Amino acid sequence: ARHPTATFKGKVSAWSGDQPAAVAGDLTLRGVTRPVTLTINSFNCKPHPLAKKEVCGADAVTAFNRADFGLDFGAAYGLKMDVMLRIQAEGLRSD
């Protein structure tokens, strides 16, 4: 209840040709902020048939240790602290 949101703020940090390949930024969980890099596995843009604007979608992944954010419950019992975060996002270009 004290930390109801998680946030990520970043910028494209690597390109593969004309497509983004990675986004470096800051992930905040439970009020703790740490740097992470999202690897973009796929990125595609197409014209939106109704909006008549370009829409882009991305699939990205990163891994982190949840104990780094103070989420260490279970560590004493041998539970793994590694987390794989997968993000799918879609955006419509605004003019």
PDB file of N, CA and C in Angstrom:
ATOM      1  N   ALA A   1       0.821  -1.203   0.000  1.00  0.00           N
ATOM      2  CA  ALA A   1       0.000   0.000   0.000  1.00  0.00           C
ATOM      3  C   ALA A   1       0.864   1.266   0.000  1.00  0.00           C
ATOM      4  N   ARG A   2       2.061   1.183   0.590  1.00  0.00           N
ATOM      5  CA  ARG A   2       2.925   2.369   0.635  1.00  0.00           C
ATOM      6  C   ARG A   2       3.606   2.649  -0.696  1.00  0.00           C
ATOM      7  N   HIS A   3       3.752   1.638  -1.545  1.00  0.00           N
ATOM      8  CA  HIS A   3       4.452   1.802  -2.828  1.00  0.00           C
ATOM      9  C   HIS A   3       3.621   1.148  -3.934  1.00  0.00           C
ATOM     10  N   PRO A   4       2.524   1.789  -4.345  1.00  0.00           N
ATOM     11  CA  PRO A   4       1.596   1.147  -5.277  1.00  0.00           C
ATOM     12  C   PRO A   4       2.045   1.118  -6.742  1.00  0.00           C
ATOM     13  N   THR A   5       3.123   1.827  -7.093  1.00  0.00           N
ATOM     14  CA  THR A   5       3.535   1.864  -8.491  1.00  0.00           C
ATOM     15  C   THR A   5       5.005   1.510  -8.665  1.00  0.00           C
ATOM     16  N   ALA A   6       5.281   1.004  -9.838  1.00  0.00           N
ATOM     17  CA  ALA A   6       6.658   0.783 -10.289  1.00  0.00           C
ATOM     18  C   ALA A   6       6.839   1.662 -11.521  1.00  0.00           C
ATOM     19  N   THR A   7       8.004   2.275 -11.679  1.00  0.00           N
ATOM     20  CA  THR A   7       8.234   3.129 -12.844  1.00  0.00           C
ATOM     21  C   THR A   7       9.566   2.803 -13.496  1.00  0.00           C
ATOM     22  N   PHE A   8       9.618   3.035 -14.803  1.00  0.00           N
ATOM     23  CA  PHE A   8      10.858   2.942 -15.555  1.00  0.00           C
ATOM     24  C   PHE A   8      10.922   4.165 -16.439  1.00  0.00           C
ATOM     25  N   LYS A   9      12.053   4.858 -16.394  1.00  0.00           N
ATOM     26  CA  LYS A   9      12.297   6.016 -17.255  1.00  0.00           C
ATOM     27  C   LYS A   9      13.627   5.803 -17.934  1.00  0.00           C
ATOM     28  N   GLY A  10      13.635   5.842 -19.263  1.00  0.00           N
ATOM     29  CA  GLY A  10      14.877   5.598 -19.974  1.00  0.00           C
ATOM     30  C   GLY A  10      14.897   6.204 -21.360  1.00  0.00           C
ATOM     31  N   LYS A  11      16.025   6.019 -22.018  1.00  0.00           N
ATOM     32  CA  LYS A  11      16.226   6.490 -23.392  1.00  0.00           C
ATOM     33  C   LYS A  11      16.924   5.405 -24.185  1.00  0.00           C
ATOM     34  N   VAL A  12      16.697   5.400 -25.475  1.00  0.00           N
ATOM     35  CA  VAL A  12      17.350   4.430 -26.353  1.00  0.00           C
ATOM     36  C   VAL A  12      18.858   4.599 -26.220  1.00  0.00           C
ATOM     37  N   SER A  13      19.537   3.492 -25.961  1.00  0.00           N
ATOM     38  CA  SER A  13      20.986   3.547 -25.748  1.00  0.00           C
ATOM     39  C   SER A  13      21.776   2.780 -26.794  1.00  0.00           C
ATOM     40  N   ALA A  14      21.088   1.988 -27.617  1.00  0.00           N
ATOM     41  CA  ALA A  14      21.771   1.235 -28.668  1.00  0.00           C
ATOM     42  C   ALA A  14      20.814   1.024 -29.831  1.00  0.00           C
ATOM     43  N   TRP A  15      21.391   1.001 -31.028  1.00  0.00           N
ATOM     44  CA  TRP A  15      20.602   0.818 -32.248  1.00  0.00           C
ATOM     45  C   TRP A  15      21.133  -0.374 -33.033  1.00  0.00           C
ATOM     46  N   SER A  16      20.237  -1.017 -33.758  1.00  0.00           N
ATOM     47  CA  SER A  16      20.593  -2.065 -34.710  1.00  0.00           C
ATOM     48  C   SER A  16      20.055  -1.605 -36.054  1.00  0.00           C
ATOM     49  N   GLY A  17      20.918  -0.989 -36.822  1.00  0.00           N
ATOM     50  CA  GLY A  17      20.466  -0.359 -38.058  1.00  0.00           C
ATOM     51  C   GLY A  17      19.604   0.835 -37.710  1.00  0.00           C
ATOM     52  N   ASP A  18      18.355   0.853 -38.201  1.00  0.00           N
ATOM     53  CA  ASP A  18      17.461   1.972 -37.920  1.00  0.00           C
ATOM     54  C   ASP A  18      16.445   1.649 -36.818  1.00  0.00           C
ATOM     55  N   GLN A  19      16.660   0.532 -36.097  1.00  0.00           N
ATOM     56  CA  GLN A  19      15.728   0.146 -35.035  1.00  0.00           C
ATOM     57  C   GLN A  19      16.419   0.157 -33.671  1.00  0.00           C
ATOM     58  N   PRO A  20      15.679   0.547 -32.633  1.00  0.00           N
ATOM     59  CA  PRO A  20      16.270   0.537 -31.285  1.00  0.00           C
ATOM     60  C   PRO A  20      16.564  -0.886 -30.828  1.00  0.00           C
ATOM     61  N   ALA A  21      17.700  -1.076 -30.160  1.00  0.00           N
ATOM     62  CA  ALA A  21      18.105  -2.395 -29.676  1.00  0.00           C
ATOM     63  C   ALA A  21      18.149  -2.472 -28.154  1.00  0.00           C
ATOM     64  N   ALA A  22      18.274  -1.320 -27.490  1.00  0.00           N
ATOM     65  CA  ALA A  22      18.342  -1.305 -26.026  1.00  0.00           C
ATOM     66  C   ALA A  22      17.903   0.053 -25.502  1.00  0.00           C
ATOM     67  N   VAL A  23      17.360   0.027 -24.288  1.00  0.00           N
ATOM     68  CA  VAL A  23      16.959   1.250 -23.601  1.00  0.00           C
ATOM     69  C   VAL A  23      17.583   1.226 -22.209  1.00  0.00           C
ATOM     70  N   ALA A  24      18.398   2.209 -21.900  1.00  0.00           N
ATOM     71  CA  ALA A  24      19.016   2.320 -20.576  1.00  0.00           C
ATOM     72  C   ALA A  24      18.222   3.330 -19.762  1.00  0.00           C
ATOM     73  N   GLY A  25      17.976   2.979 -18.501  1.00  0.00           N
ATOM     74  CA  GLY A  25      17.212   3.902 -17.675  1.00  0.00           C
ATOM     75  C   GLY A  25      17.197   3.486 -16.223  1.00  0.00           C
ATOM     76  N   ASP A  26      16.246   4.042 -15.490  1.00  0.00           N
ATOM     77  CA  ASP A  26      16.121   3.802 -14.061  1.00  0.00           C
ATOM     78  C   ASP A  26      14.792   3.128 -13.756  1.00  0.00           C
ATOM     79  N   LEU A  27      14.865   2.013 -13.021  1.00  0.00           N
ATOM     80  CA  LEU A  27      13.691   1.292 -12.548  1.00  0.00           C
ATOM     81  C   LEU A  27      13.501   1.623 -11.078  1.00  0.00           C
ATOM     82  N   THR A  28      12.277   2.018 -10.697  1.00  0.00           N
ATOM     83  CA  THR A  28      11.966   2.326  -9.305  1.00  0.00           C
ATOM     84  C   THR A  28      10.919   1.349  -8.796  1.00  0.00           C
ATOM     85  N   LEU A  29      11.275   0.631  -7.730  1.00  0.00           N
ATOM     86  CA  LEU A  29      10.373  -0.289  -7.036  1.00  0.00           C
ATOM     87  C   LEU A  29      10.473   0.000  -5.546  1.00  0.00           C
ATOM     88  N   ARG A  30       9.338   0.115  -4.881  1.00  0.00           N
ATOM     89  CA  ARG A  30       9.303   0.363  -3.440  1.00  0.00           C
ATOM     90  C   ARG A  30      10.102   1.601  -3.027  1.00  0.00           C
ATOM     91  N   GLY A  31      10.154   2.592  -3.894  1.00  0.00           N
ATOM     92  CA  GLY A  31      10.872   3.818  -3.592  1.00  0.00           C
ATOM     93  C   GLY A  31      12.374   3.732  -3.792  1.00  0.00           C
ATOM     94  N   VAL A  32      12.871   2.592  -4.278  1.00  0.00           N
ATOM     95  CA  VAL A  32      14.304   2.396  -4.535  1.00  0.00           C
ATOM     96  C   VAL A  32      14.530   2.441  -6.040  1.00  0.00           C
ATOM     97  N   THR A  33      15.490   3.234  -6.480  1.00  0.00           N
ATOM     98  CA  THR A  33      15.784   3.385  -7.910  1.00  0.00           C
ATOM     99  C   THR A  33      17.146   2.789  -8.225  1.00  0.00           C
ATOM    100  N   ARG A  34      17.187   1.976  -9.284  1.00  0.00           N
ATOM    101  CA  ARG A  34      18.427   1.346  -9.740  1.00  0.00           C
ATOM    102  C   ARG A  34      18.476   1.422 -11.264  1.00  0.00           C
ATOM    103  N   PRO A  35      19.679   1.514 -11.837  1.00  0.00           N
ATOM    104  CA  PRO A  35      19.795   1.507 -13.299  1.00  0.00           C
ATOM    105  C   PRO A  35      19.584   0.103 -13.855  1.00  0.00           C
ATOM    106  N   VAL A  36      18.851   0.010 -14.952  1.00  0.00           N
ATOM    107  CA  VAL A  36      18.680  -1.250 -15.676  1.00  0.00           C
ATOM    108  C   VAL A  36      18.697  -0.949 -17.170  1.00  0.00           C
ATOM    109  N   THR A  37      19.003  -1.959 -17.956  1.00  0.00           N
ATOM    110  CA  THR A  37      18.972  -1.834 -19.409  1.00  0.00           C
ATOM    111  C   THR A  37      18.001  -2.855 -19.975  1.00  0.00           C
ATOM    112  N   LEU A  38      17.023  -2.366 -20.731  1.00  0.00           N
ATOM    113  CA  LEU A  38      16.076  -3.233 -21.416  1.00  0.00           C
ATOM    114  C   LEU A  38      16.647  -3.601 -22.778  1.00  0.00           C
ATOM    115  N   THR A  39      16.691  -4.880 -23.087  1.00  0.00           N
ATOM    116  CA  THR A  39      17.086  -5.338 -24.410  1.00  0.00           C
ATOM    117  C   THR A  39      15.824  -5.481 -25.247  1.00  0.00           C
ATOM    118  N   ILE A  40      15.776  -4.836 -26.392  1.00  0.00           N
ATOM    119  CA  ILE A  40      14.600  -4.889 -27.250  1.00  0.00           C
ATOM    120  C   ILE A  40      14.745  -6.083 -28.196  1.00  0.00           C
ATOM    121  N   ASN A  41      13.858  -7.068 -28.012  1.00  0.00           N
ATOM    122  CA  ASN A  41      13.895  -8.275 -28.843  1.00  0.00           C
ATOM    123  C   ASN A  41      13.226  -8.077 -30.190  1.00  0.00           C
ATOM    124  N   SER A  42      12.175  -7.271 -30.235  1.00  0.00           N
ATOM    125  CA  SER A  42      11.525  -6.977 -31.511  1.00  0.00           C
ATOM    126  C   SER A  42      10.932  -5.578 -31.452  1.00  0.00           C
ATOM    127  N   PHE A  43      10.917  -4.930 -32.612  1.00  0.00           N
ATOM    128  CA  PHE A  43      10.387  -3.574 -32.746  1.00  0.00           C
ATOM    129  C   PHE A  43       9.815  -3.453 -34.141  1.00  0.00           C
ATOM    130  N   ASN A  44       8.566  -2.992 -34.238  1.00  0.00           N
ATOM    131  CA  ASN A  44       7.927  -2.925 -35.536  1.00  0.00           C
ATOM    132  C   ASN A  44       6.973  -1.743 -35.582  1.00  0.00           C
ATOM    133  N   CYS A  45       6.956  -1.026 -36.705  1.00  0.00           N
ATOM    134  CA  CYS A  45       6.041   0.100 -36.912  1.00  0.00           C
ATOM    135  C   CYS A  45       5.228  -0.140 -38.176  1.00  0.00           C
ATOM    136  N   LYS A  46       3.944   0.221 -38.095  1.00  0.00           N
ATOM    137  CA  LYS A  46       3.038   0.064 -39.234  1.00  0.00           C
ATOM    138  C   LYS A  46       2.017   1.196 -39.195  1.00  0.00           C
ATOM    139  N   PRO A  47       1.402   1.482 -40.349  1.00  0.00           N
ATOM    140  CA  PRO A  47       0.327   2.476 -40.336  1.00  0.00           C
ATOM    141  C   PRO A  47      -0.903   1.912 -39.622  1.00  0.00           C
ATOM    142  N   HIS A  48      -1.506   2.713 -38.751  1.00  0.00           N
ATOM    143  CA  HIS A  48      -2.732   2.312 -38.062  1.00  0.00           C
ATOM    144  C   HIS A  48      -3.895   2.549 -39.025  1.00  0.00           C
ATOM    145  N   PRO A  49      -4.721   1.529 -39.282  1.00  0.00           N
ATOM    146  CA  PRO A  49      -5.767   1.671 -40.302  1.00  0.00           C
ATOM    147  C   PRO A  49      -6.859   2.682 -39.945  1.00  0.00           C
ATOM    148  N   LEU A  50      -7.140   2.887 -38.677  1.00  0.00           N
ATOM    149  CA  LEU A  50      -8.199   3.824 -38.293  1.00  0.00           C
ATOM    150  C   LEU A  50      -7.662   5.208 -37.966  1.00  0.00           C
ATOM    151  N   ALA A  51      -6.566   5.272 -37.237  1.00  0.00           N
ATOM    152  CA  ALA A  51      -6.010   6.554 -36.812  1.00  0.00           C
ATOM    153  C   ALA A  51      -5.245   7.253 -37.927  1.00  0.00           C
ATOM    154  N   LYS A  52      -4.874   6.494 -38.960  1.00  0.00           N
ATOM    155  CA  LYS A  52      -4.108   7.056 -40.091  1.00  0.00           C
ATOM    156  C   LYS A  52      -2.784   7.657 -39.632  1.00  0.00           C
ATOM    157  N   LYS A  53      -2.221   7.069 -38.562  1.00  0.00           N
ATOM    158  CA  LYS A  53      -0.912   7.457 -38.055  1.00  0.00           C
ATOM    159  C   LYS A  53      -0.083   6.197 -37.866  1.00  0.00           C
ATOM    160  N   GLU A  54       1.209   6.380 -37.692  1.00  0.00           N
ATOM    161  CA  GLU A  54       2.091   5.246 -37.466  1.00  0.00           C
ATOM    162  C   GLU A  54       1.964   4.748 -36.027  1.00  0.00           C
ATOM    163  N   VAL A  55       1.856   3.428 -35.861  1.00  0.00           N
ATOM    164  CA  VAL A  55       1.829   2.805 -34.550  1.00  0.00           C
ATOM    165  C   VAL A  55       3.028   1.860 -34.460  1.00  0.00           C
ATOM    166  N   CYS A  56       3.712   1.877 -33.327  1.00  0.00           N
ATOM    167  CA  CYS A  56       4.893   1.035 -33.147  1.00  0.00           C
ATOM    168  C   CYS A  56       4.709   0.147 -31.923  1.00  0.00           C
ATOM    169  N   GLY A  57       5.260  -1.056 -31.989  1.00  0.00           N
ATOM    170  CA  GLY A  57       5.215  -1.979 -30.873  1.00  0.00           C
ATOM    171  C   GLY A  57       6.601  -2.528 -30.596  1.00  0.00           C
ATOM    172  N   ALA A  58       6.840  -2.851 -29.326  1.00  0.00           N
ATOM    173  CA  ALA A  58       8.147  -3.369 -28.930  1.00  0.00           C
ATOM    174  C   ALA A  58       7.974  -4.467 -27.890  1.00  0.00           C
ATOM    175  N   ASP A  59       8.908  -5.386 -27.897  1.00  0.00           N
ATOM    176  CA  ASP A  59       9.001  -6.444 -26.892  1.00  0.00           C
ATOM    177  C   ASP A  59      10.391  -6.324 -26.291  1.00  0.00           C
ATOM    178  N   ALA A  60      10.457  -6.106 -24.964  1.00  0.00           N
ATOM    179  CA  ALA A  60      11.752  -5.878 -24.312  1.00  0.00           C
ATOM    180  C   ALA A  60      11.865  -6.735 -23.059  1.00  0.00           C
ATOM    181  N   VAL A  61      13.114  -6.976 -22.641  1.00  0.00           N
ATOM    182  CA  VAL A  61      13.373  -7.828 -21.477  1.00  0.00           C
ATOM    183  C   VAL A  61      14.597  -7.315 -20.708  1.00  0.00           C
ATOM    184  N   THR A  62      14.568  -7.524 -19.396  1.00  0.00           N
ATOM    185  CA  THR A  62      15.723  -7.251 -18.547  1.00  0.00           C
ATOM    186  C   THR A  62      15.674  -8.204 -17.351  1.00  0.00           C
ATOM    187  N   ALA A  63      16.756  -8.301 -16.644  1.00  0.00           N
ATOM    188  CA  ALA A  63      16.818  -9.119 -15.431  1.00  0.00           C
ATOM    189  C   ALA A  63      17.434  -8.281 -14.319  1.00  0.00           C
ATOM    190  N   PHE A  64      16.973  -8.520 -13.087  1.00  0.00           N
ATOM    191  CA  PHE A  64      17.540  -7.814 -11.947  1.00  0.00           C
ATOM    192  C   PHE A  64      17.375  -8.663 -10.695  1.00  0.00           C
ATOM    193  N   ASN A  65      18.085  -8.267  -9.659  1.00  0.00           N
ATOM    194  CA  ASN A  65      18.003  -8.941  -8.369  1.00  0.00           C
ATOM    195  C   ASN A  65      17.017  -8.155  -7.510  1.00  0.00           C
ATOM    196  N   ARG A  66      15.918  -8.789  -7.116  1.00  0.00           N
ATOM    197  CA  ARG A  66      14.893  -8.053  -6.377  1.00  0.00           C
ATOM    198  C   ARG A  66      15.368  -7.593  -5.002  1.00  0.00           C
ATOM    199  N   ALA A  67      16.372  -8.238  -4.454  1.00  0.00           N
ATOM    200  CA  ALA A  67      16.927  -7.803  -3.169  1.00  0.00           C
ATOM    201  C   ALA A  67      17.554  -6.419  -3.289  1.00  0.00           C
ATOM    202  N   ASP A  68      18.016  -6.055  -4.490  1.00  0.00           N
ATOM    203  CA  ASP A  68      18.578  -4.723  -4.709  1.00  0.00           C
ATOM    204  C   ASP A  68      17.544  -3.622  -4.475  1.00  0.00           C
ATOM    205  N   PHE A  69      16.250  -3.996  -4.520  1.00  0.00           N
ATOM    206  CA  PHE A  69      15.165  -3.039  -4.319  1.00  0.00           C
ATOM    207  C   PHE A  69      14.503  -3.223  -2.951  1.00  0.00           C
ATOM    208  N   GLY A  70      15.143  -3.996  -2.065  1.00  0.00           N
ATOM    209  CA  GLY A  70      14.583  -4.222  -0.743  1.00  0.00           C
ATOM    210  C   GLY A  70      13.505  -5.292  -0.705  1.00  0.00           C
ATOM    211  N   LEU A  71      13.368  -6.056  -1.782  1.00  0.00           N
ATOM    212  CA  LEU A  71      12.376  -7.131  -1.869  1.00  0.00           C
ATOM    213  C   LEU A  71      13.072  -8.463  -1.629  1.00  0.00           C
ATOM    214  N   ASP A  72      13.526  -8.685  -0.409  1.00  0.00           N
ATOM    215  CA  ASP A  72      14.353  -9.858  -0.137  1.00  0.00           C
ATOM    216  C   ASP A  72      13.656 -10.929   0.702  1.00  0.00           C
ATOM    217  N   PHE A  73      12.318 -10.848   0.831  1.00  0.00           N
ATOM    218  CA  PHE A  73      11.602 -11.875   1.572  1.00  0.00           C
ATOM    219  C   PHE A  73      11.846 -13.232   0.914  1.00  0.00           C
ATOM    220  N   GLY A  74      12.188 -14.210   1.680  1.00  0.00           N
ATOM    221  CA  GLY A  74      12.434 -15.556   1.170  1.00  0.00           C
ATOM    222  C   GLY A  74      13.891 -15.861   0.912  1.00  0.00           C
ATOM    223  N   ALA A  75      14.734 -14.849   0.902  1.00  0.00           N
ATOM    224  CA  ALA A  75      16.162 -15.084   0.642  1.00  0.00           C
ATOM    225  C   ALA A  75      16.756 -16.000   1.710  1.00  0.00           C
ATOM    226  N   ALA A  76      16.339 -15.822   2.945  1.00  0.00           N
ATOM    227  CA  ALA A  76      16.860 -16.638   4.046  1.00  0.00           C
ATOM    228  C   ALA A  76      16.444 -18.099   3.931  1.00  0.00           C
ATOM    229  N   TYR A  77      15.395 -18.350   3.129  1.00  0.00           N
ATOM    230  CA  TYR A  77      14.914 -19.722   2.920  1.00  0.00           C
ATOM    231  C   TYR A  77      15.427 -20.330   1.620  1.00  0.00           C
ATOM    232  N   GLY A  78      16.320 -19.621   0.948  1.00  0.00           N
ATOM    233  CA  GLY A  78      16.914 -20.135  -0.275  1.00  0.00           C
ATOM    234  C   GLY A  78      16.159 -19.793  -1.546  1.00  0.00           C
ATOM    235  N   LEU A  79      15.140 -18.937  -1.459  1.00  0.00           N
ATOM    236  CA  LEU A  79      14.427 -18.540  -2.672  1.00  0.00           C
ATOM    237  C   LEU A  79      15.311 -17.626  -3.514  1.00  0.00           C
ATOM    238  N   LYS A  80      15.239 -17.796  -4.808  1.00  0.00           N
ATOM    239  CA  LYS A  80      16.054 -16.980  -5.712  1.00  0.00           C
ATOM    240  C   LYS A  80      15.542 -15.551  -5.761  1.00  0.00           C
ATOM    241  N   MET A  81      16.454 -14.634  -5.837  1.00  0.00           N
ATOM    242  CA  MET A  81      16.133 -13.219  -5.874  1.00  0.00           C
ATOM    243  C   MET A  81      16.130 -12.678  -7.312  1.00  0.00           C
ATOM    244  N   ASP A  82      16.541 -13.497  -8.280  1.00  0.00           N
ATOM    245  CA  ASP A  82      16.597 -13.053  -9.678  1.00  0.00           C
ATOM    246  C   ASP A  82      15.193 -12.954 -10.274  1.00  0.00           C
ATOM    247  N   VAL A  83      14.948 -11.866 -10.989  1.00  0.00           N
ATOM    248  CA  VAL A  83      13.667 -11.627 -11.644  1.00  0.00           C
ATOM    249  C   VAL A  83      13.921 -11.329 -13.114  1.00  0.00           C
ATOM    250  N   MET A  84      13.094 -11.928 -13.987  1.00  0.00           N
ATOM    251  CA  MET A  84      13.117 -11.616 -15.410  1.00  0.00           C
ATOM    252  C   MET A  84      11.886 -10.753 -15.680  1.00  0.00           C
ATOM    253  N   LEU A  85      12.101  -9.537 -16.157  1.00  0.00           N
ATOM    254  CA  LEU A  85      11.019  -8.602 -16.444  1.00  0.00           C
ATOM    255  C   LEU A  85      10.826  -8.521 -17.944  1.00  0.00           C
ATOM    256  N   ARG A  86       9.616  -8.807 -18.411  1.00  0.00           N
ATOM    257  CA  ARG A  86       9.274  -8.722 -19.834  1.00  0.00           C
ATOM    258  C   ARG A  86       8.234  -7.627 -20.017  1.00  0.00           C
ATOM    259  N   ILE A  87       8.473  -6.775 -20.996  1.00  0.00           N
ATOM    260  CA  ILE A  87       7.576  -5.653 -21.249  1.00  0.00           C
ATOM    261  C   ILE A  87       7.180  -5.638 -22.721  1.00  0.00           C
ATOM    262  N   GLN A  88       5.888  -5.551 -22.971  1.00  0.00           N
ATOM    263  CA  GLN A  88       5.379  -5.341 -24.307  1.00  0.00           C
ATOM    264  C   GLN A  88       4.700  -3.971 -24.303  1.00  0.00           C
ATOM    265  N   ALA A  89       5.036  -3.156 -25.285  1.00  0.00           N
ATOM    266  CA  ALA A  89       4.505  -1.793 -25.333  1.00  0.00           C
ATOM    267  C   ALA A  89       4.080  -1.449 -26.755  1.00  0.00           C
ATOM    268  N   GLU A  90       3.086  -0.596 -26.852  1.00  0.00           N
ATOM    269  CA  GLU A  90       2.611  -0.125 -28.137  1.00  0.00           C
ATOM    270  C   GLU A  90       2.382   1.368 -28.025  1.00  0.00           C
ATOM    271  N   GLY A  91       2.711   2.099 -29.073  1.00  0.00           N
ATOM    272  CA  GLY A  91       2.528   3.543 -29.034  1.00  0.00           C
ATOM    273  C   GLY A  91       2.088   4.087 -30.370  1.00  0.00           C
ATOM    274  N   LEU A  92       1.206   5.045 -30.345  1.00  0.00           N
ATOM    275  CA  LEU A  92       0.716   5.723 -31.537  1.00  0.00           C
ATOM    276  C   LEU A  92       1.425   7.061 -31.647  1.00  0.00           C
ATOM    277  N   ARG A  93       2.019   7.317 -32.791  1.00  0.00           N
ATOM    278  CA  ARG A  93       2.758   8.567 -32.987  1.00  0.00           C
ATOM    279  C   ARG A  93       1.813   9.765 -32.871  1.00  0.00           C
ATOM    280  N   SER A  94       2.225  10.752 -32.064  1.00  0.00           N
ATOM    281  CA  SER A  94       1.441  11.988 -31.955  1.00  0.00           C
ATOM    282  C   SER A  94       2.143  13.078 -32.743  1.00  0.00           C
ATOM    283  N   ASP A  95       1.371  13.931 -33.337  1.00  0.00           N
ATOM    284  CA  ASP A  95       1.947  15.011 -34.148  1.00  0.00           C
ATOM    285  C   ASP A  95       1.791  16.347 -33.490  1.00  0.00           C
TER     286      ASP A  95
END
